[in-house]
């Protein structure tokens, strides 16, 4: 690990903040013993919680503000009126070089708007994208964009592919990740024109990625590629559909195991296997969506997560910082000269 690692936390963001944030940071501090934390929020609430976590307290600093962004605030309003909010001040700490990354479980739209305004995009990147990991039959896959950009042209999709490639190398530890464009079929003639143009461009790129062509919706869960690239409209629908299906299957399993005495006995016999399944698909394990393409690291935790989930979001931010994600992203963008794509 690098000698210096400082994470800025929006301590007031999330359904169960600030308790969840402090507890999550305490768990993350075990995995990252050299990490420091800047906690932005109401000191009267944060101080007693921090005092209860002695190890974390030794490596944390509270930056007081009594202002925060609510889940109902519109991004434009938050951007205009939230300059002294816990979310904005945490982002400003990254901009000023005081912190290596910011993690928040607060309002997604507000965080995206503030991060774009405060950190700006890297040269050569026109739009940032939302990226996260999820379980597949082969391990893990990351997908982007997941809602940041409803409409995308070919250049955006190519940039997303490069962002995903760097994310897979940095966070997932894949030396040469496979990349696929989500489409309505794998045939070259299928799909929208911008998707076909992006595919043609990706076949010519010289980067540590293996572009495999088009992938379909069923390829996501199968783990056919390490990085799935699509526009934000399609990506968000695919992600929510997958989450809904997982909840549906879980509900069906619970219903089936409660259907009778023999079913309950079967659950007792299969409990160990069920616990392994539950751990494998636990959404907290994959918590932490990243705004890729910014000149800084910003990670969005699910607002309803618990301490374990928030700790994992911090872990994503820490891994990106430790392994130099932004520098690698900048180098790859310069290498392919996307401004002229």
C-alpha atoms as a PDB file:
ATOM      1  CA  UNK A   1       0.000   0.000   0.000  1.00  0.00           C
ATOM      2  CA  UNK A   2       1.034   3.566  -0.625  1.00  0.00           C
ATOM      3  CA  UNK A   3       2.401   5.452   2.368  1.00  0.00           C
ATOM      4  CA  UNK A   4      -0.320   8.061   2.044  1.00  0.00           C
ATOM      5  CA  UNK A   5      -3.998   7.316   1.599  1.00  0.00           C
ATOM      6  CA  UNK A   6      -6.691   9.755   2.660  1.00  0.00           C
ATOM      7  CA  UNK A   7     -10.387   9.172   2.027  1.00  0.00           C
ATOM      8  CA  UNK A   8     -12.939  11.988   2.338  1.00  0.00           C
ATOM      9  CA  UNK A   9     -16.317  10.780   3.590  1.00  0.00           C
ATOM     10  CA  UNK A  10     -19.682  12.492   3.285  1.00  0.00           C
ATOM     11  CA  UNK A  11     -20.611  11.470   6.805  1.00  0.00           C
ATOM     12  CA  UNK A  12     -24.194  12.746   6.512  1.00  0.00           C
ATOM     13  CA  UNK A  13     -25.097  10.918   3.290  1.00  0.00           C
ATOM     14  CA  UNK A  14     -27.215   7.757   3.407  1.00  0.00           C
ATOM     15  CA  UNK A  15     -30.398   6.502   5.026  1.00  0.00           C
ATOM     16  CA  UNK A  16     -28.652   5.510   8.267  1.00  0.00           C
ATOM     17  CA  UNK A  17     -25.938   8.156   8.373  1.00  0.00           C
ATOM     18  CA  UNK A  18     -23.903   9.079  10.275  1.00  0.00           C
ATOM     19  CA  UNK A  19     -23.864   5.818  12.306  1.00  0.00           C
ATOM     20  CA  UNK A  20     -23.505   3.632   9.224  1.00  0.00           C
ATOM     21  CA  UNK A  21     -20.699   5.800   7.832  1.00  0.00           C
ATOM     22  CA  UNK A  22     -18.633   5.665  11.027  1.00  0.00           C
ATOM     23  CA  UNK A  23     -19.139   1.927  11.465  1.00  0.00           C
ATOM     24  CA  UNK A  24     -18.290   1.321   7.803  1.00  0.00           C
ATOM     25  CA  UNK A  25     -15.139   3.423   8.055  1.00  0.00           C
ATOM     26  CA  UNK A  26     -14.132   1.471  11.151  1.00  0.00           C
ATOM     27  CA  UNK A  27     -14.444  -1.797   9.226  1.00  0.00           C
ATOM     28  CA  UNK A  28     -12.552  -0.385   6.242  1.00  0.00           C
ATOM     29  CA  UNK A  29      -9.745   0.838   8.511  1.00  0.00           C
ATOM     30  CA  UNK A  30      -8.969  -2.784   9.379  1.00  0.00           C
ATOM     31  CA  UNK A  31      -8.384  -3.659   5.716  1.00  0.00           C
ATOM     32  CA  UNK A  32      -6.486  -0.419   5.066  1.00  0.00           C
ATOM     33  CA  UNK A  33      -4.427   0.186   8.218  1.00  0.00           C
ATOM     34  CA  UNK A  34      -2.530   3.126   6.695  1.00  0.00           C
ATOM     35  CA  UNK A  35      -5.640   4.990   5.566  1.00  0.00           C
ATOM     36  CA  UNK A  36      -6.722   8.311   7.059  1.00  0.00           C
ATOM     37  CA  UNK A  37     -10.261   9.641   6.950  1.00  0.00           C
ATOM     38  CA  UNK A  38     -11.654  13.144   6.677  1.00  0.00           C
ATOM     39  CA  UNK A  39     -15.205  13.095   8.020  1.00  0.00           C
ATOM     40  CA  UNK A  40     -17.442  15.907   6.814  1.00  0.00           C
ATOM     41  CA  UNK A  41     -20.589  16.461   8.852  1.00  0.00           C
ATOM     42  CA  UNK A  42     -22.133  17.617  12.093  1.00  0.00           C
ATOM     43  CA  UNK A  43     -19.458  17.335  14.792  1.00  0.00           C
ATOM     44  CA  UNK A  44     -22.024  17.069  17.594  1.00  0.00           C
ATOM     45  CA  UNK A  45     -23.256  13.830  15.995  1.00  0.00           C
ATOM     46  CA  UNK A  46     -19.948  12.513  14.718  1.00  0.00           C
ATOM     47  CA  UNK A  47     -17.726  13.018  17.757  1.00  0.00           C
ATOM     48  CA  UNK A  48     -19.427  10.556  20.152  1.00  0.00           C
ATOM     49  CA  UNK A  49     -19.694   7.948  17.381  1.00  0.00           C
ATOM     50  CA  UNK A  50     -16.014   8.348  16.541  1.00  0.00           C
ATOM     51  CA  UNK A  51     -14.960   8.150  20.192  1.00  0.00           C
ATOM     52  CA  UNK A  52     -16.573   4.710  20.346  1.00  0.00           C
ATOM     53  CA  UNK A  53     -14.211   3.539  17.559  1.00  0.00           C
ATOM     54  CA  UNK A  54     -10.793   4.228  19.102  1.00  0.00           C
ATOM     55  CA  UNK A  55      -8.698   2.834  16.234  1.00  0.00           C
ATOM     56  CA  UNK A  56     -10.616   4.839  13.658  1.00  0.00           C
ATOM     57  CA  UNK A  57     -10.524   7.960  15.824  1.00  0.00           C
ATOM     58  CA  UNK A  58      -6.725   7.930  15.833  1.00  0.00           C
ATOM     59  CA  UNK A  59      -6.689   8.210  12.048  1.00  0.00           C
ATOM     60  CA  UNK A  60      -9.660  10.497  11.454  1.00  0.00           C
ATOM     61  CA  UNK A  61     -10.391  14.193  11.430  1.00  0.00           C
ATOM     62  CA  UNK A  62     -13.843  15.756  11.670  1.00  0.00           C
ATOM     63  CA  UNK A  63     -14.542  18.749   9.420  1.00  0.00           C
ATOM     64  CA  UNK A  64     -17.662  20.335  10.863  1.00  0.00           C
ATOM     65  CA  UNK A  65     -20.628  21.448   8.824  1.00  0.00           C
ATOM     66  CA  UNK A  66     -24.282  21.400   9.804  1.00  0.00           C
ATOM     67  CA  UNK A  67     -25.439  21.417   6.184  1.00  0.00           C
ATOM     68  CA  UNK A  68     -26.152  18.317   4.112  1.00  0.00           C
ATOM     69  CA  UNK A  69     -27.835  17.285   0.861  1.00  0.00           C
ATOM     70  CA  UNK A  70     -31.168  15.493   1.170  1.00  0.00           C
ATOM     71  CA  UNK A  71     -32.312  12.678  -1.106  1.00  0.00           C
ATOM     72  CA  UNK A  72     -35.078  14.929  -2.462  1.00  0.00           C
ATOM     73  CA  UNK A  73     -32.809  17.810  -3.496  1.00  0.00           C
ATOM     74  CA  UNK A  74     -32.592  18.324  -7.245  1.00  0.00           C
ATOM     75  CA  UNK A  75     -29.018  18.288  -8.604  1.00  0.00           C
ATOM     76  CA  UNK A  76     -29.303  21.870  -9.848  1.00  0.00           C
ATOM     77  CA  UNK A  77     -30.510  23.078  -6.451  1.00  0.00           C
ATOM     78  CA  UNK A  78     -27.845  21.104  -4.599  1.00  0.00           C
ATOM     79  CA  UNK A  79     -25.154  22.519  -6.870  1.00  0.00           C
ATOM     80  CA  UNK A  80     -26.355  26.067  -6.333  1.00  0.00           C
ATOM     81  CA  UNK A  81     -27.088  26.012  -2.605  1.00  0.00           C
ATOM     82  CA  UNK A  82     -24.942  23.174  -1.231  1.00  0.00           C
ATOM     83  CA  UNK A  83     -21.493  24.744  -1.286  1.00  0.00           C
ATOM     84  CA  UNK A  84     -21.072  24.203   2.457  1.00  0.00           C
ATOM     85  CA  UNK A  85     -22.726  20.780   2.555  1.00  0.00           C
ATOM     86  CA  UNK A  86     -20.899  17.687   3.757  1.00  0.00           C
ATOM     87  CA  UNK A  87     -20.997  16.244   0.241  1.00  0.00           C
ATOM     88  CA  UNK A  88     -19.547  19.295  -1.491  1.00  0.00           C
ATOM     89  CA  UNK A  89     -16.834  19.861   1.120  1.00  0.00           C
ATOM     90  CA  UNK A  90     -15.732  16.218   0.801  1.00  0.00           C
ATOM     91  CA  UNK A  91     -15.448  16.653  -2.971  1.00  0.00           C
ATOM     92  CA  UNK A  92     -13.539  19.907  -2.498  1.00  0.00           C
ATOM     93  CA  UNK A  93     -11.023  18.048  -0.318  1.00  0.00           C
ATOM     94  CA  UNK A  94     -10.207  15.796  -3.287  1.00  0.00           C
ATOM     95  CA  UNK A  95      -9.982  18.788  -5.598  1.00  0.00           C
ATOM     96  CA  UNK A  96      -7.578  20.527  -3.198  1.00  0.00           C
ATOM     97  CA  UNK A  97      -5.375  17.438  -2.946  1.00  0.00           C
ATOM     98  CA  UNK A  98      -6.176  16.850   0.732  1.00  0.00           C
ATOM     99  CA  UNK A  99      -7.857  13.524  -0.031  1.00  0.00           C
ATOM    100  CA  UNK A 100      -7.323  10.820  -2.636  1.00  0.00           C
ATOM    101  CA  UNK A 101     -10.998   9.933  -3.038  1.00  0.00           C
ATOM    102  CA  UNK A 102     -14.496  10.811  -1.857  1.00  0.00           C
ATOM    103  CA  UNK A 103     -17.173   8.299  -0.839  1.00  0.00           C
ATOM    104  CA  UNK A 104     -20.808   9.222  -0.298  1.00  0.00           C
ATOM    105  CA  UNK A 105     -24.072   7.331   0.174  1.00  0.00           C
ATOM    106  CA  UNK A 106     -26.048  10.494  -0.491  1.00  0.00           C
ATOM    107  CA  UNK A 107     -28.162  11.806  -3.368  1.00  0.00           C
ATOM    108  CA  UNK A 108     -26.808  10.255  -6.617  1.00  0.00           C
ATOM    109  CA  UNK A 109     -27.775  13.091  -8.932  1.00  0.00           C
ATOM    110  CA  UNK A 110     -26.362  15.714  -6.603  1.00  0.00           C
ATOM    111  CA  UNK A 111     -23.120  13.771  -6.169  1.00  0.00           C
ATOM    112  CA  UNK A 112     -22.693  13.419  -9.933  1.00  0.00           C
ATOM    113  CA  UNK A 113     -23.361  17.120 -10.524  1.00  0.00           C
ATOM    114  CA  UNK A 114     -21.076  18.274  -7.728  1.00  0.00           C
ATOM    115  CA  UNK A 115     -18.291  15.861  -8.664  1.00  0.00           C
ATOM    116  CA  UNK A 116     -18.410  16.968 -12.299  1.00  0.00           C
ATOM    117  CA  UNK A 117     -18.355  20.630 -11.289  1.00  0.00           C
ATOM    118  CA  UNK A 118     -15.666  20.245  -8.644  1.00  0.00           C
ATOM    119  CA  UNK A 119     -13.338  17.668 -10.165  1.00  0.00           C
ATOM    120  CA  UNK A 120     -14.046  18.185 -13.871  1.00  0.00           C
ATOM    121  CA  UNK A 121     -13.513  15.489 -16.482  1.00  0.00           C
ATOM    122  CA  UNK A 122     -10.107  14.319 -17.643  1.00  0.00           C
ATOM    123  CA  UNK A 123      -8.796  15.834 -20.891  1.00  0.00           C
ATOM    124  CA  UNK A 124     -10.220  13.842 -23.794  1.00  0.00           C
ATOM    125  CA  UNK A 125     -13.270  12.647 -21.844  1.00  0.00           C
ATOM    126  CA  UNK A 126     -16.553  14.273 -22.839  1.00  0.00           C
ATOM    127  CA  UNK A 127     -18.811  12.595 -20.265  1.00  0.00           C
ATOM    128  CA  UNK A 128     -18.232  10.599 -17.076  1.00  0.00           C
ATOM    129  CA  UNK A 129     -19.933   7.230 -16.677  1.00  0.00           C
ATOM    130  CA  UNK A 130     -21.282   5.261 -13.730  1.00  0.00           C
ATOM    131  CA  UNK A 131     -19.644   1.855 -13.313  1.00  0.00           C
ATOM    132  CA  UNK A 132     -20.027  -0.975 -10.827  1.00  0.00           C
ATOM    133  CA  UNK A 133     -19.262  -4.683 -10.426  1.00  0.00           C
ATOM    134  CA  UNK A 134     -21.695  -7.553 -10.002  1.00  0.00           C
ATOM    135  CA  UNK A 135     -21.456 -11.355  -9.697  1.00  0.00           C
ATOM    136  CA  UNK A 136     -21.517 -13.645 -12.719  1.00  0.00           C
ATOM    137  CA  UNK A 137     -21.189 -17.352 -13.414  1.00  0.00           C
ATOM    138  CA  UNK A 138     -17.460 -16.876 -14.055  1.00  0.00           C
ATOM    139  CA  UNK A 139     -16.679 -14.464 -11.221  1.00  0.00           C
ATOM    140  CA  UNK A 140     -17.235 -10.729 -11.534  1.00  0.00           C
ATOM    141  CA  UNK A 141     -18.011  -8.319 -14.344  1.00  0.00           C
ATOM    142  CA  UNK A 142     -18.158  -4.529 -14.427  1.00  0.00           C
ATOM    143  CA  UNK A 143     -20.653  -2.600 -16.545  1.00  0.00           C
ATOM    144  CA  UNK A 144     -20.969   1.033 -17.624  1.00  0.00           C
ATOM    145  CA  UNK A 145     -22.757   3.349 -18.123  1.00  0.00           C
ATOM    146  CA  UNK A 146     -25.472   2.689 -15.544  1.00  0.00           C
ATOM    147  CA  UNK A 147     -27.505   5.862 -15.821  1.00  0.00           C
ATOM    148  CA  UNK A 148     -25.231   8.854 -16.122  1.00  0.00           C
ATOM    149  CA  UNK A 149     -25.794   9.335 -19.866  1.00  0.00           C
ATOM    150  CA  UNK A 150     -29.125   8.369 -21.393  1.00  0.00           C
ATOM    151  CA  UNK A 151     -28.026   9.068 -24.964  1.00  0.00           C
ATOM    152  CA  UNK A 152     -24.505   8.272 -26.195  1.00  0.00           C
ATOM    153  CA  UNK A 153     -22.680   8.515 -29.493  1.00  0.00           C
ATOM    154  CA  UNK A 154     -19.889   6.269 -30.733  1.00  0.00           C
ATOM    155  CA  UNK A 155     -17.176   8.404 -29.159  1.00  0.00           C
ATOM    156  CA  UNK A 156     -18.842   8.171 -25.736  1.00  0.00           C
ATOM    157  CA  UNK A 157     -19.039   4.391 -25.991  1.00  0.00           C
ATOM    158  CA  UNK A 158     -15.374   4.123 -26.954  1.00  0.00           C
ATOM    159  CA  UNK A 159     -14.439   6.303 -23.996  1.00  0.00           C
ATOM    160  CA  UNK A 160     -16.574   4.121 -21.713  1.00  0.00           C
ATOM    161  CA  UNK A 161     -14.709   1.055 -22.965  1.00  0.00           C
ATOM    162  CA  UNK A 162     -11.371   2.639 -22.096  1.00  0.00           C
ATOM    163  CA  UNK A 163     -12.676   3.671 -18.654  1.00  0.00           C
ATOM    164  CA  UNK A 164     -13.937   0.141 -18.025  1.00  0.00           C
ATOM    165  CA  UNK A 165     -10.662  -1.379 -19.160  1.00  0.00           C
ATOM    166  CA  UNK A 166      -8.688   0.739 -16.692  1.00  0.00           C
ATOM    167  CA  UNK A 167     -11.194  -0.023 -13.910  1.00  0.00           C
ATOM    168  CA  UNK A 168     -10.905  -3.765 -14.563  1.00  0.00           C
ATOM    169  CA  UNK A 169      -7.112  -3.595 -14.454  1.00  0.00           C
ATOM    170  CA  UNK A 170      -7.012  -1.372 -11.374  1.00  0.00           C
ATOM    171  CA  UNK A 171      -9.775  -2.711  -9.143  1.00  0.00           C
ATOM    172  CA  UNK A 172     -10.459  -6.207 -10.473  1.00  0.00           C
ATOM    173  CA  UNK A 173      -6.794  -7.056 -11.094  1.00  0.00           C
ATOM    174  CA  UNK A 174      -7.273  -8.277 -14.680  1.00  0.00           C
ATOM    175  CA  UNK A 175      -4.153  -7.676 -16.771  1.00  0.00           C
ATOM    176  CA  UNK A 176      -5.873  -7.632 -20.164  1.00  0.00           C
ATOM    177  CA  UNK A 177      -9.665  -7.456 -19.653  1.00  0.00           C
ATOM    178  CA  UNK A 178     -12.130  -8.610 -22.281  1.00  0.00           C
ATOM    179  CA  UNK A 179     -14.568  -5.906 -23.391  1.00  0.00           C
ATOM    180  CA  UNK A 180     -17.920  -6.263 -25.137  1.00  0.00           C
ATOM    181  CA  UNK A 181     -20.532  -3.804 -26.440  1.00  0.00           C
ATOM    182  CA  UNK A 182     -24.077  -4.609 -25.326  1.00  0.00           C
ATOM    183  CA  UNK A 183     -26.279  -5.049 -28.380  1.00  0.00           C
ATOM    184  CA  UNK A 184     -29.466  -6.727 -29.604  1.00  0.00           C
ATOM    185  CA  UNK A 185     -27.395  -9.462 -31.228  1.00  0.00           C
ATOM    186  CA  UNK A 186     -23.813 -10.533 -31.820  1.00  0.00           C
ATOM    187  CA  UNK A 187     -24.002 -10.172 -35.598  1.00  0.00           C
ATOM    188  CA  UNK A 188     -22.045  -7.225 -36.999  1.00  0.00           C
ATOM    189  CA  UNK A 189     -25.026  -5.858 -38.938  1.00  0.00           C
ATOM    190  CA  UNK A 190     -27.286  -5.609 -35.886  1.00  0.00           C
ATOM    191  CA  UNK A 191     -27.738  -2.629 -33.596  1.00  0.00           C
ATOM    192  CA  UNK A 192     -27.791   1.154 -33.790  1.00  0.00           C
ATOM    193  CA  UNK A 193     -25.316   2.947 -35.988  1.00  0.00           C
ATOM    194  CA  UNK A 194     -23.385   4.468 -33.082  1.00  0.00           C
ATOM    195  CA  UNK A 195     -22.872   1.011 -31.568  1.00  0.00           C
ATOM    196  CA  UNK A 196     -21.501  -0.321 -34.853  1.00  0.00           C
ATOM    197  CA  UNK A 197     -19.232   2.710 -35.219  1.00  0.00           C
ATOM    198  CA  UNK A 198     -17.913   2.231 -31.678  1.00  0.00           C
ATOM    199  CA  UNK A 199     -17.192  -1.433 -32.418  1.00  0.00           C
ATOM    200  CA  UNK A 200     -15.216  -0.494 -35.519  1.00  0.00           C
ATOM    201  CA  UNK A 201     -13.151   2.013 -33.520  1.00  0.00           C
ATOM    202  CA  UNK A 202     -12.482  -0.429 -30.669  1.00  0.00           C
ATOM    203  CA  UNK A 203     -11.148  -3.030 -33.085  1.00  0.00           C
ATOM    204  CA  UNK A 204      -8.402  -0.582 -34.045  1.00  0.00           C
ATOM    205  CA  UNK A 205      -7.401   0.537 -30.540  1.00  0.00           C
ATOM    206  CA  UNK A 206      -4.012  -0.505 -29.204  1.00  0.00           C
ATOM    207  CA  UNK A 207      -4.562  -0.850 -25.459  1.00  0.00           C
ATOM    208  CA  UNK A 208      -4.310  -3.685 -22.898  1.00  0.00           C
ATOM    209  CA  UNK A 209      -7.853  -4.846 -23.656  1.00  0.00           C
ATOM    210  CA  UNK A 210      -9.355  -7.645 -25.713  1.00  0.00           C
ATOM    211  CA  UNK A 211     -12.384  -6.343 -27.595  1.00  0.00           C
ATOM    212  CA  UNK A 212     -14.566  -9.369 -28.320  1.00  0.00           C
ATOM    213  CA  UNK A 213     -17.327  -7.572 -30.233  1.00  0.00           C
ATOM    214  CA  UNK A 214     -21.017  -7.501 -29.367  1.00  0.00           C
ATOM    215  CA  UNK A 215     -22.595  -9.221 -26.365  1.00  0.00           C
ATOM    216  CA  UNK A 216     -26.261  -9.739 -25.510  1.00  0.00           C
ATOM    217  CA  UNK A 217     -28.201  -9.376 -22.282  1.00  0.00           C
ATOM    218  CA  UNK A 218     -27.761 -13.025 -21.288  1.00  0.00           C
ATOM    219  CA  UNK A 219     -23.987 -12.632 -21.601  1.00  0.00           C
ATOM    220  CA  UNK A 220     -23.964 -10.265 -18.616  1.00  0.00           C
ATOM    221  CA  UNK A 221     -24.840 -12.906 -16.035  1.00  0.00           C
ATOM    222  CA  UNK A 222     -22.773 -15.540 -17.798  1.00  0.00           C
ATOM    223  CA  UNK A 223     -19.673 -13.400 -17.432  1.00  0.00           C
ATOM    224  CA  UNK A 224     -18.816 -13.675 -21.117  1.00  0.00           C
ATOM    225  CA  UNK A 225     -16.642 -10.543 -20.858  1.00  0.00           C
ATOM    226  CA  UNK A 226     -14.978  -8.654 -18.014  1.00  0.00           C
ATOM    227  CA  UNK A 227     -16.348  -5.254 -19.098  1.00  0.00           C
ATOM    228  CA  UNK A 228     -19.815  -4.634 -20.565  1.00  0.00           C
ATOM    229  CA  UNK A 229     -20.195  -1.276 -22.309  1.00  0.00           C
ATOM    230  CA  UNK A 230     -23.519   0.387 -23.088  1.00  0.00           C
ATOM    231  CA  UNK A 231     -25.381   3.674 -22.867  1.00  0.00           C
ATOM    232  CA  UNK A 232     -26.819   4.808 -19.537  1.00  0.00           C
ATOM    233  CA  UNK A 233     -30.443   4.166 -20.504  1.00  0.00           C
ATOM    234  CA  UNK A 234     -29.875   0.518 -21.413  1.00  0.00           C
ATOM    235  CA  UNK A 235     -27.362  -0.054 -18.637  1.00  0.00           C
ATOM    236  CA  UNK A 236     -29.627   1.246 -15.911  1.00  0.00           C
ATOM    237  CA  UNK A 237     -32.536  -0.897 -17.111  1.00  0.00           C
ATOM    238  CA  UNK A 238     -30.319  -3.983 -17.324  1.00  0.00           C
ATOM    239  CA  UNK A 239     -28.965  -3.407 -13.812  1.00  0.00           C
ATOM    240  CA  UNK A 240     -32.405  -2.807 -12.255  1.00  0.00           C
ATOM    241  CA  UNK A 241     -33.825  -5.833 -14.089  1.00  0.00           C
ATOM    242  CA  UNK A 242     -31.017  -7.995 -12.695  1.00  0.00           C
ATOM    243  CA  UNK A 243     -31.567  -6.661  -9.173  1.00  0.00           C
ATOM    244  CA  UNK A 244     -35.307  -7.257  -9.447  1.00  0.00           C
ATOM    245  CA  UNK A 245     -34.794 -10.792 -10.724  1.00  0.00           C
ATOM    246  CA  UNK A 246     -32.438 -11.571  -7.846  1.00  0.00           C
ATOM    247  CA  UNK A 247     -35.047 -10.374  -5.340  1.00  0.00           C
ATOM    248  CA  UNK A 248     -37.736 -12.387  -7.133  1.00  0.00           C
ATOM    249  CA  UNK A 249     -35.710 -15.616  -7.007  1.00  0.00           C
ATOM    250  CA  UNK A 250     -34.860 -15.006  -3.344  1.00  0.00           C
ATOM    251  CA  UNK A 251     -38.538 -14.500  -2.579  1.00  0.00           C
ATOM    252  CA  UNK A 252     -39.480 -17.685  -4.434  1.00  0.00           C
ATOM    253  CA  UNK A 253     -36.829 -19.687  -2.553  1.00  0.00           C
ATOM    254  CA  UNK A 254     -38.019 -18.365   0.803  1.00  0.00           C
ATOM    255  CA  UNK A 255     -41.616 -19.147  -0.113  1.00  0.00           C
ATOM    256  CA  UNK A 256     -40.715 -22.659  -1.252  1.00  0.00           C
ATOM    257  CA  UNK A 257     -38.751 -23.516   1.900  1.00  0.00           C
ATOM    258  CA  UNK A 258     -41.670 -22.357   4.069  1.00  0.00           C
ATOM    259  CA  UNK A 259     -44.292 -24.333   2.155  1.00  0.00           C
ATOM    260  CA  UNK A 260     -44.375 -27.356   4.484  1.00  0.00           C
ATOM    261  CA  UNK A 261     -42.643 -29.467   7.092  1.00  0.00           C
ATOM    262  CA  UNK A 262     -40.549 -31.394   4.574  1.00  0.00           C
ATOM    263  CA  UNK A 263     -39.559 -28.168   2.835  1.00  0.00           C
ATOM    264  CA  UNK A 264     -38.419 -26.691   6.154  1.00  0.00           C
ATOM    265  CA  UNK A 265     -36.446 -29.863   6.864  1.00  0.00           C
ATOM    266  CA  UNK A 266     -34.898 -29.534   3.408  1.00  0.00           C
ATOM    267  CA  UNK A 267     -33.819 -26.010   4.254  1.00  0.00           C
ATOM    268  CA  UNK A 268     -32.119 -27.225   7.424  1.00  0.00           C
ATOM    269  CA  UNK A 269     -30.180 -29.782   5.379  1.00  0.00           C
ATOM    270  CA  UNK A 270     -29.316 -27.225   2.687  1.00  0.00           C
ATOM    271  CA  UNK A 271     -28.613 -24.345   5.065  1.00  0.00           C
ATOM    272  CA  UNK A 272     -24.856 -24.360   4.523  1.00  0.00           C
ATOM    273  CA  UNK A 273     -25.274 -24.236   0.734  1.00  0.00           C
ATOM    274  CA  UNK A 274     -27.919 -21.511   1.045  1.00  0.00           C
ATOM    275  CA  UNK A 275     -25.600 -19.411   3.198  1.00  0.00           C
ATOM    276  CA  UNK A 276     -22.882 -19.715   0.543  1.00  0.00           C
ATOM    277  CA  UNK A 277     -25.374 -18.637  -2.107  1.00  0.00           C
ATOM    278  CA  UNK A 278     -26.532 -15.704   0.021  1.00  0.00           C
ATOM    279  CA  UNK A 279     -22.953 -14.542   0.513  1.00  0.00           C
ATOM    280  CA  UNK A 280     -22.187 -14.913  -3.210  1.00  0.00           C
ATOM    281  CA  UNK A 281     -25.013 -12.625  -4.318  1.00  0.00           C
ATOM    282  CA  UNK A 282     -24.982 -10.272  -1.312  1.00  0.00           C
ATOM    283  CA  UNK A 283     -25.339  -6.766  -2.845  1.00  0.00           C
ATOM    284  CA  UNK A 284     -23.240  -5.302  -0.031  1.00  0.00           C
ATOM    285  CA  UNK A 285     -20.265  -7.207  -1.414  1.00  0.00           C
ATOM    286  CA  UNK A 286     -20.512  -5.249  -4.678  1.00  0.00           C
ATOM    287  CA  UNK A 287     -21.500  -1.908  -3.207  1.00  0.00           C
ATOM    288  CA  UNK A 288     -19.730   1.118  -4.632  1.00  0.00           C
ATOM    289  CA  UNK A 289     -20.580   2.631  -8.011  1.00  0.00           C
ATOM    290  CA  UNK A 290     -17.806   4.780  -9.468  1.00  0.00           C
ATOM    291  CA  UNK A 291     -18.028   7.956 -11.521  1.00  0.00           C
ATOM    292  CA  UNK A 292     -15.370   7.208 -14.117  1.00  0.00           C
ATOM    293  CA  UNK A 293     -13.767   9.845 -16.303  1.00  0.00           C
ATOM    294  CA  UNK A 294     -13.372  12.522 -13.632  1.00  0.00           C
ATOM    295  CA  UNK A 295     -10.081  14.115 -12.637  1.00  0.00           C
ATOM    296  CA  UNK A 296     -10.412  12.490  -9.246  1.00  0.00           C
ATOM    297  CA  UNK A 297     -12.011   9.453  -7.591  1.00  0.00           C
ATOM    298  CA  UNK A 298     -15.672   9.644  -6.549  1.00  0.00           C
ATOM    299  CA  UNK A 299     -17.516   6.554  -5.311  1.00  0.00           C
ATOM    300  CA  UNK A 300     -21.266   6.366  -4.731  1.00  0.00           C
ATOM    301  CA  UNK A 301     -22.443   3.933  -2.074  1.00  0.00           C
ATOM    302  CA  UNK A 302     -26.027   2.694  -2.094  1.00  0.00           C
ATOM    303  CA  UNK A 303     -28.040   4.960   0.184  1.00  0.00           C
ATOM    304  CA  UNK A 304     -29.718   2.079   1.998  1.00  0.00           C
ATOM    305  CA  UNK A 305     -26.605   0.003   2.671  1.00  0.00           C
ATOM    306  CA  UNK A 306     -25.248  -0.942   6.070  1.00  0.00           C
ATOM    307  CA  UNK A 307     -21.750  -0.650   7.541  1.00  0.00           C
ATOM    308  CA  UNK A 308     -20.420  -3.666   5.626  1.00  0.00           C
ATOM    309  CA  UNK A 309     -21.646  -2.304   2.320  1.00  0.00           C
ATOM    310  CA  UNK A 310     -20.221   1.144   3.012  1.00  0.00           C
ATOM    311  CA  UNK A 311     -16.889  -0.406   3.998  1.00  0.00           C
ATOM    312  CA  UNK A 312     -16.795  -2.156   0.627  1.00  0.00           C
ATOM    313  CA  UNK A 313     -17.492   1.143  -1.146  1.00  0.00           C
ATOM    314  CA  UNK A 314     -14.546   2.649   0.718  1.00  0.00           C
ATOM    315  CA  UNK A 315     -12.509  -0.363  -0.387  1.00  0.00           C
ATOM    316  CA  UNK A 316     -13.278   0.353  -4.050  1.00  0.00           C
ATOM    317  CA  UNK A 317     -12.139   3.970  -3.608  1.00  0.00           C
ATOM    318  CA  UNK A 318      -8.988   2.894  -1.774  1.00  0.00           C
ATOM    319  CA  UNK A 319      -8.064   0.303  -4.413  1.00  0.00           C
ATOM    320  CA  UNK A 320      -8.462   2.877  -7.173  1.00  0.00           C
ATOM    321  CA  UNK A 321      -6.321   5.402  -5.305  1.00  0.00           C
ATOM    322  CA  UNK A 322      -3.598   2.957  -4.292  1.00  0.00           C
ATOM    323  CA  UNK A 323      -3.241   1.575  -7.815  1.00  0.00           C
ATOM    324  CA  UNK A 324      -3.203   4.970  -9.526  1.00  0.00           C
ATOM    325  CA  UNK A 325      -6.467   4.767 -11.423  1.00  0.00           C
ATOM    326  CA  UNK A 326      -6.604   8.418 -12.508  1.00  0.00           C
ATOM    327  CA  UNK A 327      -3.028   8.403 -13.831  1.00  0.00           C
ATOM    328  CA  UNK A 328      -3.649   5.184 -15.763  1.00  0.00           C
ATOM    329  CA  UNK A 329      -6.884   6.604 -17.133  1.00  0.00           C
ATOM    330  CA  UNK A 330      -5.133   9.788 -18.254  1.00  0.00           C
ATOM    331  CA  UNK A 331      -2.336   7.801 -19.899  1.00  0.00           C
ATOM    332  CA  UNK A 332      -4.709   5.561 -21.869  1.00  0.00           C
ATOM    333  CA  UNK A 333      -6.824   8.480 -23.048  1.00  0.00           C
ATOM    334  CA  UNK A 334      -3.713  10.301 -24.246  1.00  0.00           C
ATOM    335  CA  UNK A 335      -2.455   7.119 -25.885  1.00  0.00           C
ATOM    336  CA  UNK A 336      -5.441   6.695 -28.175  1.00  0.00           C
ATOM    337  CA  UNK A 337      -5.933  10.458 -28.669  1.00  0.00           C
ATOM    338  CA  UNK A 338      -9.708  10.298 -28.330  1.00  0.00           C
ATOM    339  CA  UNK A 339     -10.064  13.976 -29.147  1.00  0.00           C
ATOM    340  CA  UNK A 340      -9.581  13.031 -32.762  1.00  0.00           C
ATOM    341  CA  UNK A 341     -11.823   9.968 -32.770  1.00  0.00           C
END
